[in-house]
Amino acid sequence: MILDDHGKMPDVILYDEEQSWLFLIESVTSHGPVDSKRYLELNELFKDAQAALVFVSAFPSWSVFARFAPDIAWETEAWIAEAPSHLIHFNGDKFLGSH
């Protein structure tokens, strides 16, 4: 994959080799959350990736999350530093089930 470095890259990219997941993480304090426009941009940028894409908006606090929550795109995840062991899934029934 050849990547263009004109500022479209996410803040952090992580690869989970076991699951073949590519995490594309945006820090809300730098450019905002993964909204519907950014979701489309990242899908286009990584369209040739062999791994499944996981879009994550990272927030420093619940109060910052609350400010941006209406803008978060469906089919993405939200991570909040004040609750680091949990994710909020904006993706319908994909992870619906009992614990």
PDB file of N, CA and C in Angstrom:
ATOM      1  N   MET A   1       0.842  -1.169   0.000  1.00  0.00           N
ATOM      2  CA  MET A   1       0.000   0.000   0.000  1.00  0.00           C
ATOM      3  C   MET A   1       0.891   1.238   0.000  1.00  0.00           C
ATOM      4  N   ILE A   2       0.619   2.169  -0.868  1.00  0.00           N
ATOM      5  CA  ILE A   2       1.328   3.440  -0.915  1.00  0.00           C
ATOM      6  C   ILE A   2       0.432   4.488  -0.272  1.00  0.00           C
ATOM      7  N   LEU A   3       0.970   5.210   0.701  1.00  0.00           N
ATOM      8  CA  LEU A   3       0.173   6.194   1.427  1.00  0.00           C
ATOM      9  C   LEU A   3       0.587   7.605   1.058  1.00  0.00           C
ATOM     10  N   ASP A   4      -0.393   8.452   0.893  1.00  0.00           N
ATOM     11  CA  ASP A   4      -0.180   9.865   0.618  1.00  0.00           C
ATOM     12  C   ASP A   4      -0.020  10.575   1.958  1.00  0.00           C
ATOM     13  N   ASP A   5       0.986  11.410   2.085  1.00  0.00           N
ATOM     14  CA  ASP A   5       1.238  12.061   3.367  1.00  0.00           C
ATOM     15  C   ASP A   5       0.743  13.512   3.408  1.00  0.00           C
ATOM     16  N   HIS A   6      -0.352  13.813   2.769  1.00  0.00           N
ATOM     17  CA  HIS A   6      -0.884  15.177   2.721  1.00  0.00           C
ATOM     18  C   HIS A   6      -1.850  15.477   3.857  1.00  0.00           C
ATOM     19  N   GLY A   7      -1.599  14.938   5.040  1.00  0.00           N
ATOM     20  CA  GLY A   7      -2.399  15.283   6.194  1.00  0.00           C
ATOM     21  C   GLY A   7      -3.677  14.487   6.379  1.00  0.00           C
ATOM     22  N   LYS A   8      -3.922  13.477   5.569  1.00  0.00           N
ATOM     23  CA  LYS A   8      -5.146  12.686   5.684  1.00  0.00           C
ATOM     24  C   LYS A   8      -4.989  11.477   6.598  1.00  0.00           C
ATOM     25  N   MET A   9      -3.762  11.188   7.012  1.00  0.00           N
ATOM     26  CA  MET A   9      -3.520  10.022   7.853  1.00  0.00           C
ATOM     27  C   MET A   9      -4.153  10.208   9.234  1.00  0.00           C
ATOM     28  N   PRO A  10      -4.626   9.110   9.836  1.00  0.00           N
ATOM     29  CA  PRO A  10      -5.147   9.213  11.206  1.00  0.00           C
ATOM     30  C   PRO A  10      -4.007   9.488  12.185  1.00  0.00           C
ATOM     31  N   ASP A  11      -4.365   9.892  13.403  1.00  0.00           N
ATOM     32  CA  ASP A  11      -3.349  10.206  14.412  1.00  0.00           C
ATOM     33  C   ASP A  11      -2.530   8.983  14.805  1.00  0.00           C
ATOM     34  N   VAL A  12      -3.192   7.833  14.913  1.00  0.00           N
ATOM     35  CA  VAL A  12      -2.519   6.591  15.319  1.00  0.00           C
ATOM     36  C   VAL A  12      -3.038   5.451  14.451  1.00  0.00           C
ATOM     37  N   ILE A  13      -2.134   4.566  14.050  1.00  0.00           N
ATOM     38  CA  ILE A  13      -2.496   3.350  13.321  1.00  0.00           C
ATOM     39  C   ILE A  13      -1.907   2.168  14.083  1.00  0.00           C
ATOM     40  N   LEU A  14      -2.764   1.211  14.437  1.00  0.00           N
ATOM     41  CA  LEU A  14      -2.317  -0.008  15.120  1.00  0.00           C
ATOM     42  C   LEU A  14      -2.806  -1.213  14.326  1.00  0.00           C
ATOM     43  N   TYR A  15      -2.002  -2.257  14.306  1.00  0.00           N
ATOM     44  CA  TYR A  15      -2.392  -3.479  13.602  1.00  0.00           C
ATOM     45  C   TYR A  15      -2.457  -4.645  14.580  1.00  0.00           C
ATOM     46  N   ASP A  16      -3.572  -5.337  14.598  1.00  0.00           N
ATOM     47  CA  ASP A  16      -3.743  -6.553  15.392  1.00  0.00           C
ATOM     48  C   ASP A  16      -3.574  -7.728  14.431  1.00  0.00           C
ATOM     49  N   GLU A  17      -2.407  -8.348  14.475  1.00  0.00           N
ATOM     50  CA  GLU A  17      -2.079  -9.416  13.534  1.00  0.00           C
ATOM     51  C   GLU A  17      -2.984 -10.634  13.729  1.00  0.00           C
ATOM     52  N   GLU A  18      -3.302 -10.952  14.972  1.00  0.00           N
ATOM     53  CA  GLU A  18      -4.126 -12.124  15.263  1.00  0.00           C
ATOM     54  C   GLU A  18      -5.524 -12.016  14.643  1.00  0.00           C
ATOM     55  N   GLN A  19      -6.135 -10.832  14.754  1.00  0.00           N
ATOM     56  CA  GLN A  19      -7.485 -10.613  14.214  1.00  0.00           C
ATOM     57  C   GLN A  19      -7.457 -10.063  12.779  1.00  0.00           C
ATOM     58  N   SER A  20      -6.297  -9.618  12.330  1.00  0.00           N
ATOM     59  CA  SER A  20      -6.141  -8.913  11.059  1.00  0.00           C
ATOM     60  C   SER A  20      -7.041  -7.676  11.029  1.00  0.00           C
ATOM     61  N   TRP A  21      -6.897  -6.880  12.081  1.00  0.00           N
ATOM     62  CA  TRP A  21      -7.636  -5.613  12.210  1.00  0.00           C
ATOM     63  C   TRP A  21      -6.643  -4.465  12.160  1.00  0.00           C
ATOM     64  N   LEU A  22      -6.978  -3.429  11.424  1.00  0.00           N
ATOM     65  CA  LEU A  22      -6.187  -2.211  11.368  1.00  0.00           C
ATOM     66  C   LEU A  22      -6.988  -1.120  12.076  1.00  0.00           C
ATOM     67  N   PHE A  23      -6.483  -0.677  13.227  1.00  0.00           N
ATOM     68  CA  PHE A  23      -7.157   0.356  14.009  1.00  0.00           C
ATOM     69  C   PHE A  23      -6.707   1.725  13.514  1.00  0.00           C
ATOM     70  N   LEU A  24      -7.656   2.533  13.088  1.00  0.00           N
ATOM     71  CA  LEU A  24      -7.392   3.900  12.647  1.00  0.00           C
ATOM     72  C   LEU A  24      -7.964   4.816  13.724  1.00  0.00           C
ATOM     73  N   ILE A  25      -7.078   5.454  14.470  1.00  0.00           N
ATOM     74  CA  ILE A  25      -7.483   6.177  15.678  1.00  0.00           C
ATOM     75  C   ILE A  25      -7.287   7.672  15.487  1.00  0.00           C
ATOM     76  N   GLU A  26      -8.353   8.414  15.775  1.00  0.00           N
ATOM     77  CA  GLU A  26      -8.312   9.876  15.724  1.00  0.00           C
ATOM     78  C   GLU A  26      -8.433  10.430  17.135  1.00  0.00           C
ATOM     79  N   SER A  27      -7.499  11.285  17.518  1.00  0.00           N
ATOM     80  CA  SER A  27      -7.594  11.993  18.789  1.00  0.00           C
ATOM     81  C   SER A  27      -8.518  13.180  18.582  1.00  0.00           C
ATOM     82  N   VAL A  28      -9.597  13.215  19.319  1.00  0.00           N
ATOM     83  CA  VAL A  28     -10.583  14.275  19.129  1.00  0.00           C
ATOM     84  C   VAL A  28      -9.983  15.651  19.396  1.00  0.00           C
ATOM     85  N   THR A  29      -8.944  15.729  20.208  1.00  0.00           N
ATOM     86  CA  THR A  29      -8.341  17.021  20.520  1.00  0.00           C
ATOM     87  C   THR A  29      -7.475  17.561  19.386  1.00  0.00           C
ATOM     88  N   SER A  30      -7.137  16.727  18.405  1.00  0.00           N
ATOM     89  CA  SER A  30      -6.337  17.225  17.281  1.00  0.00           C
ATOM     90  C   SER A  30      -7.204  17.632  16.091  1.00  0.00           C
ATOM     91  N   HIS A  31      -8.106  16.755  15.667  1.00  0.00           N
ATOM     92  CA  HIS A  31      -8.907  17.061  14.475  1.00  0.00           C
ATOM     93  C   HIS A  31     -10.378  16.727  14.624  1.00  0.00           C
ATOM     94  N   GLY A  32     -10.815  16.365  15.802  1.00  0.00           N
ATOM     95  CA  GLY A  32     -12.202  15.978  15.993  1.00  0.00           C
ATOM     96  C   GLY A  32     -12.371  14.477  15.876  1.00  0.00           C
ATOM     97  N   PRO A  33     -13.610  14.003  16.075  1.00  0.00           N
ATOM     98  CA  PRO A  33     -13.868  12.564  16.036  1.00  0.00           C
ATOM     99  C   PRO A  33     -13.970  12.044  14.603  1.00  0.00           C
ATOM    100  N   VAL A  34     -14.116  10.735  14.491  1.00  0.00           N
ATOM    101  CA  VAL A  34     -14.404  10.141  13.188  1.00  0.00           C
ATOM    102  C   VAL A  34     -15.886  10.401  12.916  1.00  0.00           C
ATOM    103  N   ASP A  35     -16.149  11.484  12.184  1.00  0.00           N
ATOM    104  CA  ASP A  35     -17.519  11.805  11.789  1.00  0.00           C
ATOM    105  C   ASP A  35     -17.784  11.164  10.427  1.00  0.00           C
ATOM    106  N   SER A  36     -18.945  11.377   9.857  1.00  0.00           N
ATOM    107  CA  SER A  36     -19.291  10.700   8.602  1.00  0.00           C
ATOM    108  C   SER A  36     -18.356  11.093   7.457  1.00  0.00           C
ATOM    109  N   LYS A  37     -17.915  12.343   7.420  1.00  0.00           N
ATOM    110  CA  LYS A  37     -16.979  12.777   6.373  1.00  0.00           C
ATOM    111  C   LYS A  37     -15.630  12.084   6.546  1.00  0.00           C
ATOM    112  N   ARG A  38     -15.129  12.066   7.774  1.00  0.00           N
ATOM    113  CA  ARG A  38     -13.823  11.451   8.041  1.00  0.00           C
ATOM    114  C   ARG A  38     -13.879   9.942   7.816  1.00  0.00           C
ATOM    115  N   TYR A  39     -15.001   9.330   8.152  1.00  0.00           N
ATOM    116  CA  TYR A  39     -15.199   7.899   7.934  1.00  0.00           C
ATOM    117  C   TYR A  39     -15.026   7.568   6.438  1.00  0.00           C
ATOM    118  N   LEU A  40     -15.640   8.370   5.574  1.00  0.00           N
ATOM    119  CA  LEU A  40     -15.509   8.153   4.132  1.00  0.00           C
ATOM    120  C   LEU A  40     -14.074   8.390   3.660  1.00  0.00           C
ATOM    121  N   GLU A  41     -13.422   9.448   4.187  1.00  0.00           N
ATOM    122  CA  GLU A  41     -12.031   9.730   3.815  1.00  0.00           C
ATOM    123  C   GLU A  41     -11.113   8.574   4.185  1.00  0.00           C
ATOM    124  N   LEU A  42     -11.263   8.062   5.396  1.00  0.00           N
ATOM    125  CA  LEU A  42     -10.397   6.965   5.840  1.00  0.00           C
ATOM    126  C   LEU A  42     -10.669   5.679   5.067  1.00  0.00           C
ATOM    127  N   ASN A  43     -11.932   5.416   4.761  1.00  0.00           N
ATOM    128  CA  ASN A  43     -12.251   4.252   3.936  1.00  0.00           C
ATOM    129  C   ASN A  43     -11.586   4.359   2.571  1.00  0.00           C
ATOM    130  N   GLU A  44     -11.595   5.526   1.982  1.00  0.00           N
ATOM    131  CA  GLU A  44     -10.961   5.729   0.677  1.00  0.00           C
ATOM    132  C   GLU A  44      -9.442   5.595   0.794  1.00  0.00           C
ATOM    133  N   LEU A  45      -8.856   6.193   1.808  1.00  0.00           N
ATOM    134  CA  LEU A  45      -7.409   6.162   1.995  1.00  0.00           C
ATOM    135  C   LEU A  45      -6.889   4.734   2.193  1.00  0.00           C
ATOM    136  N   PHE A  46      -7.675   3.904   2.888  1.00  0.00           N
ATOM    137  CA  PHE A  46      -7.248   2.536   3.205  1.00  0.00           C
ATOM    138  C   PHE A  46      -8.036   1.474   2.426  1.00  0.00           C
ATOM    139  N   LYS A  47      -8.566   1.844   1.271  1.00  0.00           N
ATOM    140  CA  LYS A  47      -9.399   0.926   0.480  1.00  0.00           C
ATOM    141  C   LYS A  47      -8.658  -0.324   0.034  1.00  0.00           C
ATOM    142  N   ASP A  48      -7.349  -0.268  -0.076  1.00  0.00           N
ATOM    143  CA  ASP A  48      -6.571  -1.423  -0.521  1.00  0.00           C
ATOM    144  C   ASP A  48      -6.019  -2.262   0.628  1.00  0.00           C
ATOM    145  N   ALA A  49      -6.335  -1.885   1.845  1.00  0.00           N
ATOM    146  CA  ALA A  49      -5.828  -2.629   3.005  1.00  0.00           C
ATOM    147  C   ALA A  49      -6.416  -4.036   3.024  1.00  0.00           C
ATOM    148  N   GLN A  50      -5.598  -5.002   3.354  1.00  0.00           N
ATOM    149  CA  GLN A  50      -6.058  -6.388   3.448  1.00  0.00           C
ATOM    150  C   GLN A  50      -6.758  -6.647   4.784  1.00  0.00           C
ATOM    151  N   ALA A  51      -6.423  -5.872   5.796  1.00  0.00           N
ATOM    152  CA  ALA A  51      -7.010  -6.036   7.129  1.00  0.00           C
ATOM    153  C   ALA A  51      -8.362  -5.341   7.203  1.00  0.00           C
ATOM    154  N   ALA A  52      -9.188  -5.794   8.135  1.00  0.00           N
ATOM    155  CA  ALA A  52     -10.461  -5.127   8.404  1.00  0.00           C
ATOM    156  C   ALA A  52     -10.165  -3.813   9.122  1.00  0.00           C
ATOM    157  N   LEU A  53     -10.877  -2.760   8.752  1.00  0.00           N
ATOM    158  CA  LEU A  53     -10.656  -1.444   9.336  1.00  0.00           C
ATOM    159  C   LEU A  53     -11.533  -1.246  10.569  1.00  0.00           C
ATOM    160  N   VAL A  54     -10.925  -0.709  11.631  1.00  0.00           N
ATOM    161  CA  VAL A  54     -11.641  -0.373  12.866  1.00  0.00           C
ATOM    162  C   VAL A  54     -11.378   1.110  13.120  1.00  0.00           C
ATOM    163  N   PHE A  55     -12.434   1.907  13.122  1.00  0.00           N
ATOM    164  CA  PHE A  55     -12.327   3.352  13.269  1.00  0.00           C
ATOM    165  C   PHE A  55     -12.609   3.734  14.714  1.00  0.00           C
ATOM    166  N   VAL A  56     -11.675   4.459  15.335  1.00  0.00           N
ATOM    167  CA  VAL A  56     -11.800   4.796  16.751  1.00  0.00           C
ATOM    168  C   VAL A  56     -11.592   6.299  16.943  1.00  0.00           C
ATOM    169  N   SER A  57     -12.516   6.927  17.664  1.00  0.00           N
ATOM    170  CA  SER A  57     -12.349   8.306  18.125  1.00  0.00           C
ATOM    171  C   SER A  57     -11.910   8.228  19.581  1.00  0.00           C
ATOM    172  N   ALA A  58     -10.795   8.872  19.915  1.00  0.00           N
ATOM    173  CA  ALA A  58     -10.251   8.831  21.276  1.00  0.00           C
ATOM    174  C   ALA A  58     -10.514  10.161  21.980  1.00  0.00           C
ATOM    175  N   PHE A  59     -11.063  10.070  23.197  1.00  0.00           N
ATOM    176  CA  PHE A  59     -11.451  11.249  23.974  1.00  0.00           C
ATOM    177  C   PHE A  59     -10.713  11.261  25.303  1.00  0.00           C
ATOM    178  N   PRO A  60     -10.309  12.442  25.792  1.00  0.00           N
ATOM    179  CA  PRO A  60      -9.629  12.504  27.083  1.00  0.00           C
ATOM    180  C   PRO A  60     -10.580  12.363  28.274  1.00  0.00           C
ATOM    181  N   SER A  61     -11.860  12.697  28.084  1.00  0.00           N
ATOM    182  CA  SER A  61     -12.795  12.692  29.218  1.00  0.00           C
ATOM    183  C   SER A  61     -14.230  12.504  28.736  1.00  0.00           C
ATOM    184  N   TRP A  62     -15.100  12.159  29.684  1.00  0.00           N
ATOM    185  CA  TRP A  62     -16.521  12.018  29.384  1.00  0.00           C
ATOM    186  C   TRP A  62     -17.120  13.340  28.931  1.00  0.00           C
ATOM    187  N   SER A  63     -16.669  14.437  29.511  1.00  0.00           N
ATOM    188  CA  SER A  63     -17.248  15.727  29.130  1.00  0.00           C
ATOM    189  C   SER A  63     -16.905  16.099  27.690  1.00  0.00           C
ATOM    190  N   VAL A  64     -15.699  15.794  27.252  1.00  0.00           N
ATOM    191  CA  VAL A  64     -15.329  16.046  25.849  1.00  0.00           C
ATOM    192  C   VAL A  64     -16.111  15.097  24.940  1.00  0.00           C
ATOM    193  N   PHE A  65     -16.245  13.840  25.347  1.00  0.00           N
ATOM    194  CA  PHE A  65     -17.059  12.894  24.577  1.00  0.00           C
ATOM    195  C   PHE A  65     -18.486  13.423  24.397  1.00  0.00           C
ATOM    196  N   ALA A  66     -19.079  13.917  25.475  1.00  0.00           N
ATOM    197  CA  ALA A  66     -20.461  14.412  25.423  1.00  0.00           C
ATOM    198  C   ALA A  66     -20.607  15.546  24.413  1.00  0.00           C
ATOM    199  N   ARG A  67     -19.591  16.393  24.314  1.00  0.00           N
ATOM    200  CA  ARG A  67     -19.634  17.507  23.358  1.00  0.00           C
ATOM    201  C   ARG A  67     -19.658  17.026  21.916  1.00  0.00           C
ATOM    202  N   PHE A  68     -18.948  15.937  21.623  1.00  0.00           N
ATOM    203  CA  PHE A  68     -18.802  15.460  20.248  1.00  0.00           C
ATOM    204  C   PHE A  68     -19.685  14.261  19.898  1.00  0.00           C
ATOM    205  N   ALA A  69     -20.353  13.667  20.867  1.00  0.00           N
ATOM    206  CA  ALA A  69     -21.126  12.439  20.635  1.00  0.00           C
ATOM    207  C   ALA A  69     -22.078  12.522  19.440  1.00  0.00           C
ATOM    208  N   PRO A  70     -22.793  13.629  19.242  1.00  0.00           N
ATOM    209  CA  PRO A  70     -23.710  13.671  18.085  1.00  0.00           C
ATOM    210  C   PRO A  70     -23.012  13.599  16.728  1.00  0.00           C
ATOM    211  N   ASP A  71     -21.719  13.879  16.686  1.00  0.00           N
ATOM    212  CA  ASP A  71     -20.983  13.908  15.418  1.00  0.00           C
ATOM    213  C   ASP A  71     -20.333  12.576  15.060  1.00  0.00           C
ATOM    214  N   ILE A  72     -20.264  11.643  15.989  1.00  0.00           N
ATOM    215  CA  ILE A  72     -19.560  10.380  15.755  1.00  0.00           C
ATOM    216  C   ILE A  72     -20.307   9.546  14.715  1.00  0.00           C
ATOM    217  N   ALA A  73     -19.569   9.033  13.747  1.00  0.00           N
ATOM    218  CA  ALA A  73     -20.160   8.247  12.662  1.00  0.00           C
ATOM    219  C   ALA A  73     -20.566   6.857  13.139  1.00  0.00           C
ATOM    220  N   TRP A  74     -21.647   6.354  12.544  1.00  0.00           N
ATOM    221  CA  TRP A  74     -22.026   4.961  12.762  1.00  0.00           C
ATOM    222  C   TRP A  74     -20.931   4.074  12.207  1.00  0.00           C
ATOM    223  N   GLU A  75     -20.859   2.870  12.717  1.00  0.00           N
ATOM    224  CA  GLU A  75     -19.854   1.867  12.317  1.00  0.00           C
ATOM    225  C   GLU A  75     -18.464   2.247  12.808  1.00  0.00           C
ATOM    226  N   THR A  76     -18.402   2.994  13.916  1.00  0.00           N
ATOM    227  CA  THR A  76     -17.120   3.350  14.516  1.00  0.00           C
ATOM    228  C   THR A  76     -17.152   3.057  16.011  1.00  0.00           C
ATOM    229  N   GLU A  77     -16.028   3.306  16.666  1.00  0.00           N
ATOM    230  CA  GLU A  77     -15.880   3.079  18.105  1.00  0.00           C
ATOM    231  C   GLU A  77     -15.460   4.379  18.778  1.00  0.00           C
ATOM    232  N   ALA A  78     -15.774   4.497  20.065  1.00  0.00           N
ATOM    233  CA  ALA A  78     -15.292   5.622  20.863  1.00  0.00           C
ATOM    234  C   ALA A  78     -14.566   5.060  22.079  1.00  0.00           C
ATOM    235  N   TRP A  79     -13.401   5.642  22.371  1.00  0.00           N
ATOM    236  CA  TRP A  79     -12.607   5.267  23.540  1.00  0.00           C
ATOM    237  C   TRP A  79     -12.430   6.506  24.386  1.00  0.00           C
ATOM    238  N   ILE A  80     -12.632   6.372  25.710  1.00  0.00           N
ATOM    239  CA  ILE A  80     -12.530   7.502  26.627  1.00  0.00           C
ATOM    240  C   ILE A  80     -11.451   7.189  27.659  1.00  0.00           C
ATOM    241  N   ALA A  81     -10.482   8.083  27.794  1.00  0.00           N
ATOM    242  CA  ALA A  81      -9.342   7.849  28.683  1.00  0.00           C
ATOM    243  C   ALA A  81      -9.767   7.635  30.137  1.00  0.00           C
ATOM    244  N   GLU A  82     -10.883   8.218  30.535  1.00  0.00           N
ATOM    245  CA  GLU A  82     -11.357   8.041  31.905  1.00  0.00           C
ATOM    246  C   GLU A  82     -11.937   6.642  32.153  1.00  0.00           C
ATOM    247  N   ALA A  83     -12.158   5.881  31.100  1.00  0.00           N
ATOM    248  CA  ALA A  83     -12.634   4.493  31.206  1.00  0.00           C
ATOM    249  C   ALA A  83     -11.852   3.647  30.196  1.00  0.00           C
ATOM    250  N   PRO A  84     -10.539   3.511  30.401  1.00  0.00           N
ATOM    251  CA  PRO A  84      -9.668   2.952  29.367  1.00  0.00           C
ATOM    252  C   PRO A  84      -9.910   1.501  28.988  1.00  0.00           C
ATOM    253  N   SER A  85     -10.588   0.728  29.809  1.00  0.00           N
ATOM    254  CA  SER A  85     -10.782  -0.687  29.483  1.00  0.00           C
ATOM    255  C   SER A  85     -12.083  -0.946  28.722  1.00  0.00           C
ATOM    256  N   HIS A  86     -12.774   0.114  28.300  1.00  0.00           N
ATOM    257  CA  HIS A  86     -14.048  -0.040  27.598  1.00  0.00           C
ATOM    258  C   HIS A  86     -14.087   0.754  26.294  1.00  0.00           C
ATOM    259  N   LEU A  87     -14.932   0.291  25.383  1.00  0.00           N
ATOM    260  CA  LEU A  87     -15.222   1.006  24.145  1.00  0.00           C
ATOM    261  C   LEU A  87     -16.719   1.226  24.047  1.00  0.00           C
ATOM    262  N   ILE A  88     -17.103   2.289  23.371  1.00  0.00           N
ATOM    263  CA  ILE A  88     -18.506   2.505  23.036  1.00  0.00           C
ATOM    264  C   ILE A  88     -18.644   2.191  21.556  1.00  0.00           C
ATOM    265  N   HIS A  89     -19.524   1.261  21.229  1.00  0.00           N
ATOM    266  CA  HIS A  89     -19.685   0.797  19.853  1.00  0.00           C
ATOM    267  C   HIS A  89     -20.839   1.534  19.178  1.00  0.00           C
ATOM    268  N   PHE A  90     -20.526   2.261  18.127  1.00  0.00           N
ATOM    269  CA  PHE A  90     -21.524   2.937  17.308  1.00  0.00           C
ATOM    270  C   PHE A  90     -21.762   2.086  16.054  1.00  0.00           C
ATOM    271  N   ASN A  91     -22.085   0.816  16.282  1.00  0.00           N
ATOM    272  CA  ASN A  91     -22.172  -0.078  15.131  1.00  0.00           C
ATOM    273  C   ASN A  91     -23.288  -1.111  15.254  1.00  0.00           C
ATOM    274  N   GLY A  92     -24.465  -0.665  15.623  1.00  0.00           N
ATOM    275  CA  GLY A  92     -25.619  -1.522  15.579  1.00  0.00           C
ATOM    276  C   GLY A  92     -25.477  -2.818  16.369  1.00  0.00           C
ATOM    277  N   ASP A  93     -25.847  -3.924  15.755  1.00  0.00           N
ATOM    278  CA  ASP A  93     -25.886  -5.197  16.473  1.00  0.00           C
ATOM    279  C   ASP A  93     -24.615  -6.012  16.335  1.00  0.00           C
ATOM    280  N   LYS A  94     -23.554  -5.460  15.765  1.00  0.00           N
ATOM    281  CA  LYS A  94     -22.329  -6.230  15.544  1.00  0.00           C
ATOM    282  C   LYS A  94     -21.809  -6.873  16.830  1.00  0.00           C
ATOM    283  N   PHE A  95     -21.868  -6.166  17.952  1.00  0.00           N
ATOM    284  CA  PHE A  95     -21.361  -6.696  19.205  1.00  0.00           C
ATOM    285  C   PHE A  95     -22.485  -6.935  20.210  1.00  0.00           C
ATOM    286  N   LEU A  96     -23.708  -7.017  19.750  1.00  0.00           N
ATOM    287  CA  LEU A  96     -24.832  -7.220  20.651  1.00  0.00           C
ATOM    288  C   LEU A  96     -24.823  -8.649  21.194  1.00  0.00           C
ATOM    289  N   GLY A  97     -24.921  -8.772  22.485  1.00  0.00           N
ATOM    290  CA  GLY A  97     -24.934 -10.098  23.105  1.00  0.00           C
ATOM    291  C   GLY A  97     -24.764  -9.983  24.601  1.00  0.00           C
ATOM    292  N   SER A  98     -24.967 -11.086  25.289  1.00  0.00           N
ATOM    293  CA  SER A  98     -24.845 -11.077  26.737  1.00  0.00           C
ATOM    294  C   SER A  98     -23.375 -11.158  27.150  1.00  0.00           C
ATOM    295  N   HIS A  99     -23.113 -10.810  28.404  1.00  0.00           N
ATOM    296  CA  HIS A  99     -21.752 -10.881  28.950  1.00  0.00           C
ATOM    297  C   HIS A  99     -21.672 -12.004  29.941  1.00  0.00           C
TER     298      HIS A  99
END
